[in-house]
Amino acid sequence: MKLLNFLAAATLLAAVVPARADINIGVTVSATGPAASLGIPEKNTIALLPKTMGGQKVHYIILDDGSDTNTAVSNTRKFITDYKVDAIIGSSVTPNALAMIAVSAEGHTPTISLAASSRIVEPMDAQRRWTFKVPQNDIMMSLAIAEHMANAGIKTVGFIGFSDAYGEGFLTEFTKAAALKKLQIVATERYARSDTSVMAQVLKVMEAKPDAVLIAGSGTPAVLPQRTLRERGYTGPIYQTHGVANNDFLRVGGKDVEGTLLPAGPVLVAAQLPLSNPVRKSALAYIAAYDGAYGKGSYSTFGGHAWDAGHLLAAAVPVALKHAQPGTAAFRAALRDALEQVHDMAGAHGIFNMSPQDHLGLDQRARVMVKVVNGAWKYQP
């Protein structure tokens, strides 16, 4: 009789205390297509993210959007409607990320973008309040480039960028930075990520005789304008954006990208940073994890963005769990609010201090200048 009473009490208790649900995180990355050199290390990094958050198991559901905007949107809808995820990470490129904003907001699902454009989180509005991002803003990197150019005595600049939101966004921000540093942009040309020739654009830029050229592309497609410039005899300095900061750019570019200057997250040259650098330790932690899993020297700044996204969620989840359980609208809302409260979190790329008006949370500690020297990345103090 006592045993029956005990079992009855246990059954009643189980009915009163609901089982704790697992946390589900959807991940859409560009593991194939023109942006594969970004998406592959991002996908690889997901396997290194925390398996539990706030004491609860985490499931990562990974889909490839093929560098395609429509597929990224479709993946986002699938995460929300089919998988009922608590948060989303992705996508890899700006056009995809911009298209995902409205879907994430409609589904009231916090999303951390791995793409760079400041337009993903600015200006803050009812839709963007559900979206965060981890790559450095265009203006931060544009200022680094413009400052380096001015210090090098450069006066005129030619610009070649992607004919999409990434290229246009970077041109907008670099134009502001150039004006501050008294630089004159003497030519602006665009090309598509999938183009196989940019001869016409390069000839127009060279005709303007710029002191330096800035290429606003990402991944291996950013090699094409630089290679064409060198083949046509351009000998001036060539700058790239942080969109090329991975080993595939070096591999594909070879001798044509030697001497390239670019701003990058500290993780790219973490071991070369002074011991006093506040990001050095956390950046090296990511490198150790990635290289330990995939081979020495295989880490990527783009994978570092996925690492930072996962650790932002790991910091926010315990706070959200105080208010609701995973799998509910209340939890997603609490998680969104908790992400805005993340302060002093050291990541692979910088120190994150989020707020309701700042869904990036990085400052100038998140950038360094780098040069390609003998086929490797060299920190420029």
Protein backbone atom coordinates (compact mmCIF):
# COMPACT_ATOMS: atom_id res chain seq x y z
CA MET A 1 0.00 0.00 0.00
CA LYS A 2 2.84 2.34 0.90
CA LEU A 3 4.50 1.52 -2.41
CA LEU A 4 1.31 2.33 -4.29
CA ASN A 5 0.99 5.63 -2.43
CA PHE A 6 4.63 6.46 -3.25
CA LEU A 7 4.13 5.70 -6.93
CA ALA A 8 0.93 7.75 -6.99
CA ALA A 9 2.72 10.69 -5.37
CA ALA A 10 5.60 10.38 -7.83
CA THR A 11 3.17 10.33 -10.76
CA LEU A 12 1.38 13.39 -9.44
CA LEU A 13 4.68 15.23 -8.99
CA ALA A 14 5.72 14.38 -12.56
CA ALA A 15 2.43 15.81 -13.80
CA VAL A 16 2.90 19.02 -11.84
CA VAL A 17 6.59 19.59 -12.80
CA PRO A 18 6.92 19.61 -16.60
CA ALA A 19 9.95 17.95 -18.24
CA ARG A 20 12.66 20.43 -19.20
CA ALA A 21 12.77 20.78 -22.96
CA ASP A 22 15.97 20.72 -24.99
CA ILE A 23 17.16 23.88 -26.74
CA ASN A 24 17.00 23.85 -30.55
CA ILE A 25 19.16 26.20 -32.62
CA GLY A 26 18.79 26.46 -36.40
CA VAL A 27 21.93 27.21 -38.42
CA THR A 28 21.88 28.28 -42.08
CA VAL A 29 25.27 28.82 -43.71
CA SER A 30 26.60 29.11 -47.26
CA ALA A 31 28.53 25.83 -47.30
CA THR A 32 28.32 25.65 -51.10
CA GLY A 33 28.24 28.27 -53.86
CA PRO A 34 30.37 31.44 -54.19
CA ALA A 35 30.51 31.99 -50.41
CA ALA A 36 31.58 28.43 -49.55
CA SER A 37 34.95 29.60 -48.20
CA LEU A 38 32.96 31.46 -45.52
CA GLY A 39 30.26 28.89 -44.89
CA ILE A 40 32.42 25.78 -44.58
CA PRO A 41 34.47 26.96 -41.56
CA GLU A 42 31.26 28.32 -40.02
CA LYS A 43 29.61 24.93 -40.41
CA ASN A 44 32.70 23.20 -39.01
CA THR A 45 32.68 25.49 -35.99
CA ILE A 46 29.12 24.57 -35.03
CA ALA A 47 30.42 21.15 -34.00
CA LEU A 48 32.67 22.91 -31.45
CA LEU A 49 29.92 24.94 -29.77
CA PRO A 50 28.54 24.14 -26.30
CA LYS A 51 26.46 20.96 -26.15
CA THR A 52 24.62 22.24 -23.09
CA MET A 53 23.53 25.74 -22.10
CA GLY A 54 22.17 26.54 -18.67
CA GLY A 55 22.28 22.84 -17.89
CA GLN A 56 20.05 21.87 -20.82
CA LYS A 57 20.97 19.91 -23.92
CA VAL A 58 21.39 21.85 -27.15
CA HIS A 59 20.57 20.55 -30.64
CA TYR A 60 22.02 22.33 -33.70
CA ILE A 61 20.05 21.87 -36.92
CA ILE A 62 22.32 22.81 -39.84
CA LEU A 63 21.08 23.62 -43.35
CA ASP A 64 23.09 24.79 -46.38
CA ASP A 65 21.64 27.77 -48.25
CA GLY A 66 24.07 27.43 -51.16
CA SER A 67 24.91 31.17 -51.00
CA ASP A 68 21.39 31.77 -52.30
CA THR A 69 19.08 34.38 -50.77
CA ASN A 70 15.83 32.55 -51.47
CA THR A 71 17.17 29.36 -49.92
CA ALA A 72 18.33 31.25 -46.82
CA VAL A 73 14.81 32.64 -46.40
CA SER A 74 13.30 29.20 -46.97
CA ASN A 75 15.65 27.70 -44.36
CA THR A 76 14.66 30.39 -41.88
CA ARG A 77 10.96 29.68 -42.35
CA LYS A 78 11.61 25.95 -42.01
CA PHE A 79 13.45 26.49 -38.73
CA ILE A 80 10.55 28.49 -37.33
CA THR A 81 7.57 26.52 -38.61
CA ASP A 82 8.89 22.94 -38.85
CA TYR A 83 11.65 22.71 -36.26
CA LYS A 84 10.24 25.24 -33.77
CA VAL A 85 13.75 26.47 -32.98
CA ASP A 86 14.55 28.77 -30.08
CA ALA A 87 17.19 30.76 -32.00
CA ILE A 88 18.84 30.95 -35.42
CA ILE A 89 22.48 31.47 -36.44
CA GLY A 90 23.24 32.69 -39.99
CA SER A 91 23.50 33.33 -42.80
CA SER A 92 27.05 33.80 -44.12
CA VAL A 93 26.55 36.69 -46.55
CA THR A 94 24.86 40.07 -46.38
CA PRO A 95 22.13 39.62 -49.04
CA ASN A 96 20.93 36.46 -47.30
CA ALA A 97 21.06 38.02 -43.86
CA LEU A 98 19.10 41.09 -44.91
CA ALA A 99 16.38 38.92 -46.44
CA MET A 100 16.09 36.88 -43.22
CA ILE A 101 15.35 39.88 -40.97
CA ALA A 102 11.62 40.09 -41.70
CA VAL A 103 11.13 36.33 -41.37
CA SER A 104 12.88 36.20 -37.99
CA ALA A 105 10.80 39.13 -36.76
CA GLU A 106 7.56 37.58 -37.99
CA GLY A 107 8.41 34.36 -36.17
CA HIS A 108 9.62 36.21 -33.06
CA THR A 109 12.83 34.20 -33.17
CA PRO A 110 16.17 35.74 -32.14
CA THR A 111 18.70 35.46 -34.95
CA ILE A 112 22.46 36.05 -34.84
CA SER A 113 23.83 36.89 -38.28
CA LEU A 114 27.29 35.87 -39.48
CA ALA A 115 27.27 38.53 -42.22
CA ALA A 116 28.95 41.91 -42.02
CA SER A 117 26.81 44.80 -43.26
CA SER A 118 25.74 47.30 -40.61
CA ARG A 119 22.35 47.42 -42.31
CA ILE A 120 21.58 44.04 -40.76
CA VAL A 121 21.21 45.72 -37.35
CA GLU A 122 20.93 49.43 -38.21
CA PRO A 123 18.84 51.46 -37.91
CA MET A 124 17.16 49.67 -35.02
CA ASP A 125 13.44 49.13 -35.61
CA ALA A 126 10.65 46.68 -34.80
CA GLN A 127 12.02 44.05 -37.21
CA ARG A 128 15.72 44.40 -36.43
CA ARG A 129 15.11 44.06 -32.69
CA TRP A 130 15.01 40.29 -33.33
CA THR A 131 18.34 40.26 -35.22
CA PHE A 132 21.89 40.48 -33.87
CA LYS A 133 25.22 40.06 -35.63
CA VAL A 134 28.82 39.23 -34.78
CA PRO A 135 31.07 40.45 -37.66
CA GLN A 136 32.52 43.93 -37.35
CA ASN A 137 30.55 46.79 -38.95
CA ASP A 138 31.61 48.19 -42.31
CA ILE A 139 32.31 51.64 -40.88
CA MET A 140 34.70 50.23 -38.27
CA MET A 141 36.74 48.47 -40.95
CA SER A 142 36.42 51.36 -43.43
CA LEU A 143 37.93 53.73 -40.90
CA ALA A 144 40.84 51.35 -40.35
CA ILE A 145 41.51 51.25 -44.09
CA ALA A 146 41.18 55.01 -44.57
CA GLU A 147 43.45 55.73 -41.62
CA HIS A 148 46.10 53.35 -42.93
CA MET A 149 45.88 54.90 -46.41
CA ALA A 150 46.21 58.44 -45.08
CA ASN A 151 49.21 57.49 -42.94
CA ALA A 152 50.82 55.94 -46.04
CA GLY A 153 50.45 59.19 -48.00
CA ILE A 154 47.72 57.91 -50.31
CA LYS A 155 45.51 60.64 -51.77
CA THR A 156 43.36 58.92 -54.42
CA VAL A 157 41.54 55.57 -54.35
CA GLY A 158 39.87 53.36 -56.93
CA PHE A 159 37.02 51.14 -55.74
CA ILE A 160 35.84 47.77 -57.11
CA GLY A 161 33.11 46.02 -55.12
CA PHE A 162 30.41 43.39 -55.28
CA SER A 163 27.24 44.54 -57.03
CA ASP A 164 25.14 43.56 -54.04
CA ALA A 165 24.39 44.73 -50.51
CA TYR A 166 27.90 43.91 -49.27
CA GLY A 167 29.69 45.94 -51.94
CA GLU A 168 27.24 48.84 -51.84
CA GLY A 169 27.22 48.94 -48.06
CA PHE A 170 31.00 49.01 -47.87
CA LEU A 171 31.19 51.74 -50.52
CA THR A 172 28.76 53.86 -48.52
CA GLU A 173 30.78 53.51 -45.32
CA PHE A 174 34.19 53.86 -46.99
CA THR A 175 33.01 57.06 -48.68
CA LYS A 176 32.35 58.51 -45.22
CA ALA A 177 35.72 57.34 -43.90
CA ALA A 178 37.55 58.63 -46.97
CA ALA A 179 36.04 62.08 -46.51
CA LEU A 180 37.22 62.17 -42.89
CA LYS A 181 40.77 61.32 -43.98
CA LYS A 182 40.76 63.63 -47.03
CA LEU A 183 40.94 60.76 -49.53
CA GLN A 184 39.44 61.15 -53.01
CA ILE A 185 37.61 58.22 -54.58
CA VAL A 186 38.39 58.60 -58.30
CA ALA A 187 36.65 55.48 -59.69
CA THR A 188 33.89 53.13 -58.55
CA GLU A 189 33.18 49.83 -60.30
CA ARG A 190 31.02 46.81 -59.46
CA TYR A 191 31.03 43.11 -60.32
CA ALA A 192 28.96 40.04 -59.43
CA ARG A 193 30.20 37.30 -57.12
CA SER A 194 29.83 34.80 -59.97
CA ASP A 195 31.61 36.85 -62.66
CA THR A 196 34.54 35.21 -64.43
CA SER A 197 36.01 38.43 -65.85
CA VAL A 198 36.34 42.00 -64.56
CA MET A 199 38.60 43.31 -67.29
CA ALA A 200 36.35 46.24 -68.21
CA GLN A 201 36.04 47.37 -64.59
CA VAL A 202 39.78 47.09 -63.97
CA LEU A 203 40.66 49.10 -67.09
CA LYS A 204 38.31 51.90 -66.00
CA VAL A 205 39.84 51.99 -62.53
CA MET A 206 43.39 52.02 -63.91
CA GLU A 207 42.48 54.83 -66.30
CA ALA A 208 41.79 57.01 -63.24
CA LYS A 209 45.37 56.36 -62.02
CA PRO A 210 44.54 55.89 -58.31
CA ASP A 211 47.30 55.77 -55.69
CA ALA A 212 45.62 52.65 -54.25
CA VAL A 213 42.69 50.34 -54.99
CA LEU A 214 40.13 49.01 -52.51
CA ILE A 215 38.32 45.78 -53.39
CA ALA A 216 35.08 45.20 -51.46
CA GLY A 217 34.40 41.51 -51.90
CA SER A 218 34.38 38.40 -49.75
CA GLY A 219 35.77 34.91 -50.03
CA THR A 220 37.62 33.68 -53.08
CA PRO A 221 35.60 35.79 -55.60
CA ALA A 222 37.51 38.80 -54.22
CA VAL A 223 40.70 37.45 -55.82
CA LEU A 224 39.51 38.11 -59.39
CA PRO A 225 39.82 41.94 -59.46
CA GLN A 226 43.19 41.83 -57.70
CA ARG A 227 44.60 39.23 -60.06
CA THR A 228 43.35 41.23 -63.05
CA LEU A 229 44.87 44.44 -61.69
CA ARG A 230 48.27 42.75 -61.32
CA GLU A 231 48.03 41.12 -64.75
CA ARG A 232 47.33 44.53 -66.29
CA GLY A 233 50.39 45.99 -64.60
CA TYR A 234 48.93 47.88 -61.65
CA THR A 235 51.73 48.23 -59.08
CA GLY A 236 50.07 50.35 -56.40
CA PRO A 237 48.90 49.06 -53.01
CA ILE A 238 45.72 46.98 -53.00
CA TYR A 239 43.43 46.88 -49.99
CA GLN A 240 40.74 44.28 -49.32
CA THR A 241 38.04 44.09 -46.66
CA HIS A 242 37.70 41.66 -43.76
CA GLY A 243 35.56 39.56 -46.10
CA VAL A 244 38.70 37.83 -47.44
CA ALA A 245 40.35 36.93 -44.14
CA ASN A 246 40.75 33.18 -44.63
CA ASN A 247 43.32 30.78 -46.01
CA ASP A 248 41.30 30.04 -49.15
CA PHE A 249 41.92 33.63 -50.25
CA LEU A 250 45.67 33.06 -49.87
CA ARG A 251 45.51 29.67 -51.61
CA VAL A 252 43.50 30.86 -54.60
CA GLY A 253 45.24 34.24 -54.87
CA GLY A 254 48.82 33.00 -54.61
CA LYS A 255 51.41 35.54 -55.70
CA ASP A 256 48.72 37.91 -56.94
CA VAL A 257 47.57 38.73 -53.41
CA GLU A 258 51.05 39.19 -51.97
CA GLY A 259 51.24 42.56 -50.18
CA THR A 260 47.46 42.84 -49.72
CA LEU A 261 46.44 45.10 -46.85
CA LEU A 262 43.19 44.62 -44.93
CA PRO A 263 41.50 45.11 -41.58
CA ALA A 264 40.56 41.90 -39.80
CA GLY A 265 39.36 40.52 -36.52
CA PRO A 266 42.18 39.89 -34.01
CA VAL A 267 41.68 36.13 -34.31
CA LEU A 268 43.39 36.14 -37.73
CA VAL A 269 46.76 36.98 -36.15
CA ALA A 270 46.06 36.18 -32.50
CA ALA A 271 49.43 34.60 -31.78
CA GLN A 272 51.19 37.73 -33.10
CA LEU A 273 49.29 40.13 -30.84
CA PRO A 274 50.95 41.62 -27.77
CA LEU A 275 50.18 39.85 -24.49
CA SER A 276 48.33 42.97 -23.35
CA ASN A 277 45.74 42.70 -26.14
CA PRO A 278 42.36 41.99 -24.44
CA VAL A 279 41.17 39.68 -27.22
CA ARG A 280 44.33 37.58 -27.56
CA LYS A 281 43.41 34.92 -24.98
CA SER A 282 39.84 34.34 -26.16
CA ALA A 283 40.92 34.33 -29.82
CA LEU A 284 43.60 31.74 -29.10
CA ALA A 285 40.98 29.61 -27.33
CA TYR A 286 38.97 29.43 -30.57
CA ILE A 287 42.07 28.67 -32.63
CA ALA A 288 43.04 25.83 -30.27
CA ALA A 289 39.55 24.32 -30.51
CA TYR A 290 39.31 24.57 -34.31
CA ASP A 291 42.86 23.49 -35.12
CA GLY A 292 42.55 20.66 -32.61
CA ALA A 293 39.54 19.35 -34.51
CA TYR A 294 40.49 20.08 -38.11
CA GLY A 295 44.27 20.42 -38.26
CA LYS A 296 46.93 22.96 -37.39
CA GLY A 297 46.53 26.28 -39.18
CA SER A 298 43.06 25.46 -40.51
CA TYR A 299 41.14 28.02 -38.42
CA SER A 300 39.25 30.86 -40.10
CA THR A 301 37.97 34.26 -39.07
CA PHE A 302 34.58 33.27 -40.48
CA GLY A 303 34.44 30.25 -38.25
CA GLY A 304 35.29 32.66 -35.45
CA HIS A 305 32.02 34.48 -36.10
CA ALA A 306 30.08 31.23 -35.62
CA TRP A 307 32.04 30.64 -32.40
CA ASP A 308 31.09 34.08 -31.11
CA ALA A 309 27.42 33.56 -32.04
CA GLY A 310 27.30 30.30 -30.13
CA HIS A 311 28.94 31.76 -27.05
CA LEU A 312 26.63 34.77 -27.06
CA LEU A 313 23.73 32.33 -26.90
CA ALA A 314 25.48 30.36 -24.15
CA ALA A 315 25.77 33.57 -22.13
CA ALA A 316 22.13 34.55 -22.70
CA VAL A 317 20.37 31.19 -22.26
CA PRO A 318 20.80 30.89 -18.46
CA VAL A 319 19.19 34.32 -18.07
CA ALA A 320 16.29 33.40 -20.37
CA LEU A 321 15.72 30.12 -18.51
CA LYS A 322 14.82 32.08 -15.40
CA HIS A 323 11.73 33.34 -17.23
CA ALA A 324 10.53 30.48 -19.46
CA GLN A 325 11.25 27.04 -20.89
CA PRO A 326 12.65 26.33 -24.38
CA GLY A 327 10.19 25.65 -27.14
CA THR A 328 7.91 28.52 -26.16
CA ALA A 329 7.31 32.04 -27.43
CA ALA A 330 8.04 33.30 -23.92
CA PHE A 331 11.50 31.70 -23.99
CA ARG A 332 12.35 33.16 -27.39
CA ALA A 333 11.34 36.62 -26.17
CA ALA A 334 13.34 36.19 -22.97
CA LEU A 335 16.35 34.99 -24.97
CA ARG A 336 16.14 38.04 -27.24
CA ASP A 337 16.06 40.29 -24.17
CA ALA A 338 18.94 38.40 -22.55
CA LEU A 339 21.14 38.82 -25.64
CA GLU A 340 20.78 42.58 -25.22
CA GLN A 341 22.16 42.23 -21.70
CA VAL A 342 25.38 40.39 -22.62
CA HIS A 343 28.31 42.47 -21.36
CA ASP A 344 32.09 42.00 -21.39
CA MET A 345 31.95 38.68 -23.22
CA ALA A 346 35.34 37.93 -24.76
CA GLY A 347 35.01 36.24 -28.13
CA ALA A 348 37.26 35.30 -31.01
CA HIS A 349 36.84 38.73 -32.60
CA GLY A 350 36.41 41.15 -29.72
CA ILE A 351 34.70 42.05 -26.48
CA PHE A 352 30.91 42.07 -26.82
CA ASN A 353 28.76 44.63 -24.99
CA MET A 354 25.22 44.42 -26.33
CA SER A 355 22.35 46.82 -25.65
CA PRO A 356 18.81 47.45 -26.93
CA GLN A 357 20.23 49.91 -29.47
CA ASP A 358 23.46 48.06 -30.28
CA HIS A 359 22.96 44.52 -31.55
CA LEU A 360 26.65 44.13 -32.45
CA GLY A 361 28.36 45.33 -29.29
CA LEU A 362 31.93 45.50 -30.62
CA ASP A 363 34.35 48.42 -30.36
CA GLN A 364 37.76 49.22 -31.88
CA ARG A 365 39.33 46.30 -29.99
CA ALA A 366 37.69 44.11 -32.64
CA ARG A 367 39.98 45.17 -35.48
CA VAL A 368 43.63 45.03 -36.46
CA MET A 369 45.47 45.78 -39.71
CA VAL A 370 47.03 42.83 -41.51
CA LYS A 371 49.30 42.40 -44.54
CA VAL A 372 49.94 39.35 -46.71
CA VAL A 373 53.68 38.66 -46.44
CA ASN A 374 55.24 35.56 -48.06
CA GLY A 375 51.79 34.01 -48.41
CA ALA A 376 50.86 34.44 -44.75
CA TRP A 377 49.00 36.94 -42.57
CA LYS A 378 51.27 39.47 -40.84
CA TYR A 379 50.04 41.71 -38.02
CA GLN A 380 50.67 45.41 -38.66
CA PRO A 381 51.13 47.27 -35.32
